[in-house]
Amino acid sequence: MRHPVCRPNVKHNNIKIKAENYMSMHERITHRLMWTSERIQRRLMRISERIDDCMRYIADPRECVYKFNALKQSEKIMRRPELQSACALAERIKEQDSDSERQIKYTNVRRYIVSNLRRLYSLGLHGRFAAPSPRKPFTVLDIGAGAGFFLYCCKLYGHEGTGFDASTSDLYTGMHAALGVRCACTAIRPMTPLPDFGGKFDLITAFAVCFHIAGGRVWSADEWRFFLCDLLQNHCADGGKIYLHLNDNPPGDRADVRKKILASFPSASFAYQAITLCKK
């Protein structure tokens, strides 16, 4: 008597293999789409920056000279050992967390050195006697200091810089240590005074301002008034100034912020993308 032969369920196995292949293909397509999306976003950001450069050149032709000088000076600065360490750190963190757009953008260290040198030049901090008194350098407080590149450029020109940022990422803390800049972890909250940073400052800066947008809600005119009054009274030295470089994201935000600030501080000056307040 013949015993029945146990045959594998070929149909079931084929369906399983097809499902696994489908999932593998789906993951590859998803990863490819995410990678393409990130590339498109970076390209759009670069295009936006170039348009922004053209507008800056039109608003102030000296910006052309600032960019040329920054590119030339950055070649020498990038050979410094602390920047070599910063580049190595950026590459290492990029490999560890390649999906983080915030981490990836800081990989090009020279790009941020150039952009912050241009900021330094436009603020008049590059001259040896650019400080309020020729006997001492500027004291600078940088709001939203990020990786600390602006503070580092200030240090190169002999100024004393302090910064703060809400983020405590490994990239930021590592960059601060590599560049030798002083930066605290402090979050800005509406209607809440900032902590003491060890004195008053000749210049308070904030670039690409976005701290006034939280949870989909933007600051009111009263919240801007409270924040700027706190800076002027408790953190800005006599004769000092506050410089806010405004984003326009979402579109129209820059005009909205300008309107709210000028309503409380009519003496503030507005030039292209920045608002400046002076303390007499």
Protein backbone atom coordinates (compact mmCIF):
# COMPACT_ATOMS: atom_id res chain seq x y z
CA MET A 1 0.00 0.00 0.00
CA ARG A 2 1.36 3.34 -1.04
CA HIS A 3 1.60 6.12 1.49
CA PRO A 4 0.50 9.58 0.32
CA VAL A 5 3.39 11.89 -0.51
CA CYS A 6 3.46 15.14 1.50
CA ARG A 7 3.93 17.91 -1.01
CA PRO A 8 4.72 21.44 0.09
CA ASN A 9 2.08 24.08 -0.38
CA VAL A 10 3.67 25.62 -3.47
CA LYS A 11 0.89 28.13 -3.99
CA HIS A 12 1.19 29.44 -0.42
CA ASN A 13 5.00 29.73 -0.69
CA ASN A 14 4.77 31.59 -3.99
CA ILE A 15 2.34 34.09 -2.48
CA LYS A 16 4.67 34.58 0.49
CA ILE A 17 7.69 35.16 -1.76
CA LYS A 18 5.73 37.62 -3.89
CA ALA A 19 4.60 39.49 -0.76
CA GLU A 20 8.20 39.71 0.49
CA ASN A 21 9.40 40.94 -2.90
CA TYR A 22 6.59 43.49 -2.95
CA MET A 23 7.51 44.78 0.51
CA SER A 24 11.18 44.96 -0.44
CA MET A 25 10.31 46.84 -3.64
CA HIS A 26 7.97 49.14 -1.69
CA GLU A 27 10.74 49.97 0.80
CA ARG A 28 13.18 50.70 -2.03
CA ILE A 29 10.70 52.97 -3.78
CA THR A 30 9.86 54.78 -0.52
CA HIS A 31 13.55 55.30 0.27
CA ARG A 32 14.18 56.55 -3.28
CA LEU A 33 11.27 58.98 -3.08
CA MET A 34 12.46 60.31 0.29
CA TRP A 35 15.99 60.75 -1.07
CA THR A 36 14.66 62.53 -4.18
CA SER A 37 12.45 64.77 -2.04
CA GLU A 38 15.40 65.78 0.13
CA ARG A 39 17.47 66.57 -2.97
CA ILE A 40 14.67 68.70 -4.41
CA GLN A 41 14.31 70.55 -1.09
CA ARG A 42 18.05 71.25 -0.98
CA ARG A 43 18.02 72.43 -4.61
CA LEU A 44 15.08 74.73 -3.92
CA MET A 45 16.85 76.07 -0.84
CA ARG A 46 19.96 76.83 -2.90
CA ILE A 47 17.86 78.55 -5.57
CA SER A 48 16.14 80.61 -2.87
CA GLU A 49 19.52 81.57 -1.43
CA ARG A 50 20.78 82.72 -4.83
CA ILE A 51 17.68 84.81 -5.40
CA ASP A 52 18.18 86.21 -1.91
CA ASP A 53 21.78 87.06 -2.81
CA CYS A 54 20.67 88.95 -5.91
CA MET A 55 18.16 90.94 -3.88
CA ARG A 56 20.84 91.73 -1.31
CA TYR A 57 23.20 92.96 -4.05
CA ILE A 58 20.49 95.25 -5.36
CA ALA A 59 19.63 96.55 -1.89
CA ASP A 60 23.29 97.07 -0.93
CA PRO A 61 26.00 96.71 -3.62
CA ARG A 62 28.62 96.35 -0.86
CA GLU A 63 27.31 92.82 -0.39
CA CYS A 64 29.20 91.82 -3.56
CA VAL A 65 32.44 92.91 -1.92
CA TYR A 66 31.51 91.15 1.31
CA LYS A 67 30.90 87.88 -0.52
CA PHE A 68 34.19 88.10 -2.44
CA ASN A 69 36.15 88.85 0.74
CA ALA A 70 34.36 86.07 2.65
CA LEU A 71 35.18 83.49 -0.04
CA LYS A 72 38.81 84.58 -0.09
CA GLN A 73 39.17 84.68 3.70
CA SER A 74 37.42 81.33 4.18
CA GLU A 75 40.19 79.56 2.24
CA LYS A 76 42.66 80.52 4.97
CA ILE A 77 40.26 79.94 7.85
CA MET A 78 39.35 76.42 6.72
CA ARG A 79 42.98 75.34 7.25
CA ARG A 80 42.72 76.02 10.97
CA PRO A 81 42.80 72.85 13.13
CA GLU A 82 39.53 73.60 14.93
CA LEU A 83 37.68 73.73 11.61
CA GLN A 84 39.27 70.49 10.48
CA SER A 85 37.87 68.94 13.67
CA ALA A 86 34.46 70.51 12.97
CA CYS A 87 34.42 69.04 9.44
CA ALA A 88 35.29 65.59 10.76
CA LEU A 89 32.56 65.83 13.39
CA ALA A 90 29.95 66.88 10.81
CA GLU A 91 30.81 63.96 8.54
CA ARG A 92 30.72 61.50 11.44
CA ILE A 93 27.31 62.68 12.63
CA LYS A 94 25.98 62.64 9.07
CA GLU A 95 26.88 58.95 8.78
CA GLN A 96 25.23 58.20 12.12
CA ASP A 97 22.02 60.11 11.34
CA SER A 98 21.83 60.45 7.56
CA ASP A 99 18.04 60.99 7.59
CA SER A 100 18.24 64.24 9.57
CA GLU A 101 18.11 67.27 7.27
CA ARG A 102 19.25 69.51 10.15
CA GLN A 103 22.42 67.43 10.53
CA ILE A 104 23.12 67.17 6.79
CA LYS A 105 23.05 70.91 6.12
CA TYR A 106 25.97 71.56 8.49
CA THR A 107 28.24 69.09 6.67
CA ASN A 108 29.39 71.87 4.34
CA VAL A 109 31.25 73.82 7.02
CA ARG A 110 32.85 76.25 4.59
CA ARG A 111 29.45 77.34 3.30
CA TYR A 112 28.46 78.42 6.81
CA ILE A 113 31.80 80.09 7.46
CA VAL A 114 31.32 82.15 4.28
CA SER A 115 27.72 83.12 5.11
CA ASN A 116 28.62 84.14 8.66
CA LEU A 117 31.66 86.11 7.54
CA ARG A 118 29.31 88.03 5.27
CA ARG A 119 27.04 88.70 8.23
CA LEU A 120 30.01 89.88 10.24
CA TYR A 121 31.15 92.23 7.46
CA SER A 122 27.67 93.69 6.94
CA LEU A 123 27.48 94.47 10.67
CA GLY A 124 30.84 96.23 10.56
CA LEU A 125 32.57 93.82 12.93
CA HIS A 126 35.58 93.11 10.71
CA GLY A 127 37.57 96.29 11.43
CA ARG A 128 40.06 96.25 14.30
CA PHE A 129 38.44 99.38 15.72
CA ALA A 130 34.87 98.47 14.86
CA ALA A 131 33.90 98.19 18.54
CA PRO A 132 32.16 101.02 20.42
CA SER A 133 35.50 101.83 22.04
CA PRO A 134 38.90 101.23 20.35
CA ARG A 135 40.16 99.91 23.69
CA LYS A 136 37.80 96.93 23.85
CA PRO A 137 36.07 94.55 21.41
CA PHE A 138 32.36 94.10 20.93
CA THR A 139 30.42 91.84 23.28
CA VAL A 140 27.93 89.84 21.21
CA LEU A 141 24.87 87.80 22.20
CA ASP A 142 23.68 85.52 19.39
CA ILE A 143 20.09 84.26 19.71
CA GLY A 144 19.51 80.85 18.13
CA ALA A 145 23.25 80.33 17.72
CA GLY A 146 22.88 76.86 16.19
CA ALA A 147 26.29 75.26 15.61
CA GLY A 148 28.05 78.49 16.65
CA PHE A 149 29.59 79.59 13.34
CA PHE A 150 28.74 83.27 13.79
CA LEU A 151 30.22 83.26 17.30
CA TYR A 152 33.34 81.61 15.90
CA CYS A 153 33.73 84.28 13.21
CA CYS A 154 33.30 86.97 15.87
CA LYS A 155 36.02 85.31 17.93
CA LEU A 156 38.39 85.31 14.94
CA TYR A 157 38.07 89.09 14.80
CA GLY A 158 38.66 89.56 18.50
CA HIS A 159 35.10 89.96 19.74
CA GLU A 160 33.63 88.26 22.81
CA GLY A 161 30.61 86.18 21.92
CA THR A 162 27.95 84.30 23.88
CA GLY A 163 25.05 82.44 22.34
CA PHE A 164 22.10 80.25 23.17
CA ASP A 165 19.87 77.79 21.35
CA ALA A 166 16.97 75.57 22.31
CA SER A 167 18.58 72.47 20.78
CA THR A 168 20.94 70.15 22.66
CA SER A 169 21.81 67.89 19.72
CA ASP A 170 25.15 66.10 19.59
CA LEU A 171 26.04 68.13 16.51
CA TYR A 172 25.58 71.46 18.26
CA THR A 173 27.37 70.55 21.47
CA GLY A 174 30.20 68.92 19.50
CA MET A 175 30.57 71.95 17.23
CA HIS A 176 30.63 74.33 20.19
CA ALA A 177 33.45 72.33 21.75
CA ALA A 178 35.39 72.05 18.47
CA LEU A 179 35.08 75.76 17.66
CA GLY A 180 35.68 76.88 21.24
CA VAL A 181 32.54 79.03 21.51
CA ARG A 182 30.33 79.60 24.53
CA CYS A 183 26.71 78.64 23.99
CA ALA A 184 23.95 77.84 26.49
CA CYS A 185 20.79 75.77 26.09
CA THR A 186 17.86 78.13 26.53
CA ALA A 187 14.43 78.13 24.92
CA ILE A 188 12.55 81.35 24.14
CA ARG A 189 8.99 81.38 25.43
CA PRO A 190 6.42 84.14 24.94
CA MET A 191 5.97 86.59 27.82
CA THR A 192 8.92 85.01 29.68
CA PRO A 193 12.14 86.95 30.35
CA LEU A 194 15.46 85.46 29.26
CA PRO A 195 17.95 84.33 31.93
CA ASP A 196 21.05 86.33 32.83
CA PHE A 197 23.94 85.65 30.46
CA GLY A 198 26.62 87.26 32.60
CA GLY A 199 26.32 90.90 31.59
CA LYS A 200 25.03 93.27 28.93
CA PHE A 201 26.05 93.19 25.30
CA ASP A 202 27.01 95.77 22.70
CA LEU A 203 25.30 93.76 19.94
CA ILE A 204 22.45 91.25 20.11
CA THR A 205 21.86 89.27 16.92
CA ALA A 206 19.28 86.77 15.68
CA PHE A 207 19.53 85.32 12.18
CA ALA A 208 16.72 83.55 10.29
CA VAL A 209 14.29 84.28 13.11
CA CYS A 210 11.72 81.54 13.69
CA PHE A 211 11.42 81.39 17.49
CA HIS A 212 8.19 83.42 17.36
CA ILE A 213 6.34 80.52 15.69
CA ALA A 214 5.47 77.64 18.01
CA GLY A 215 2.78 75.03 17.64
CA GLY A 216 1.36 76.73 14.56
CA ARG A 217 0.78 80.00 16.46
CA VAL A 218 2.69 83.22 15.82
CA TRP A 219 3.51 85.85 18.42
CA SER A 220 1.21 88.78 18.92
CA ALA A 221 2.37 92.40 18.98
CA ASP A 222 2.29 92.33 22.81
CA GLU A 223 4.54 89.27 22.90
CA TRP A 224 7.04 90.92 20.56
CA ARG A 225 6.96 94.07 22.71
CA PHE A 226 7.66 92.07 25.87
CA PHE A 227 10.55 90.17 24.24
CA LEU A 228 12.26 93.26 22.80
CA CYS A 229 11.74 95.32 25.98
CA ASP A 230 13.40 92.51 27.95
CA LEU A 231 16.37 92.52 25.54
CA LEU A 232 16.74 96.32 25.63
CA GLN A 233 16.38 96.71 29.39
CA ASN A 234 18.18 93.63 30.70
CA HIS A 235 20.64 92.45 28.05
CA CYS A 236 21.57 95.35 25.77
CA ALA A 237 24.31 97.76 26.88
CA ASP A 238 23.93 101.54 26.58
CA GLY A 239 24.69 102.53 23.01
CA GLY A 240 24.21 98.94 21.85
CA LYS A 241 21.82 97.59 19.25
CA ILE A 242 19.61 94.61 18.43
CA TYR A 243 19.76 93.15 14.94
CA LEU A 244 17.01 90.72 13.82
CA HIS A 245 17.31 89.02 10.44
CA LEU A 246 13.81 87.88 9.50
CA ASN A 247 12.66 84.81 7.62
CA ASP A 248 9.68 84.89 5.30
CA ASN A 249 8.46 81.40 6.09
CA PRO A 250 5.53 81.06 5.90
CA PRO A 251 5.20 83.69 3.16
CA GLY A 252 4.12 87.03 4.55
CA ASP A 253 5.63 86.41 7.99
CA ARG A 254 8.36 89.02 7.50
CA ALA A 255 5.87 91.78 6.75
CA ASP A 256 3.72 90.69 9.69
CA VAL A 257 6.65 90.78 12.14
CA ARG A 258 7.79 94.14 10.79
CA LYS A 259 4.31 95.61 11.30
CA LYS A 260 4.08 94.32 14.88
CA ILE A 261 7.55 95.56 15.87
CA LEU A 262 7.20 98.97 14.28
CA ALA A 263 3.86 99.44 16.07
CA SER A 264 5.70 99.34 19.42
CA PHE A 265 9.10 100.66 18.31
CA PRO A 266 8.55 103.29 15.59
CA SER A 267 12.23 104.32 15.78
CA ALA A 268 13.36 100.84 14.62
CA SER A 269 14.99 100.81 11.21
CA PHE A 270 14.10 98.23 8.59
CA ALA A 271 16.49 97.39 5.75
CA TYR A 272 15.62 94.61 3.30
CA GLN A 273 15.25 91.57 5.60
CA ALA A 274 16.45 92.95 8.94
CA ILE A 275 15.18 95.15 11.74
CA THR A 276 17.60 97.12 13.92
CA LEU A 277 16.81 98.67 17.30
CA CYS A 278 19.27 100.93 19.06
CA LYS A 279 19.50 101.63 22.79
CA LYS A 280 20.54 105.18 23.58
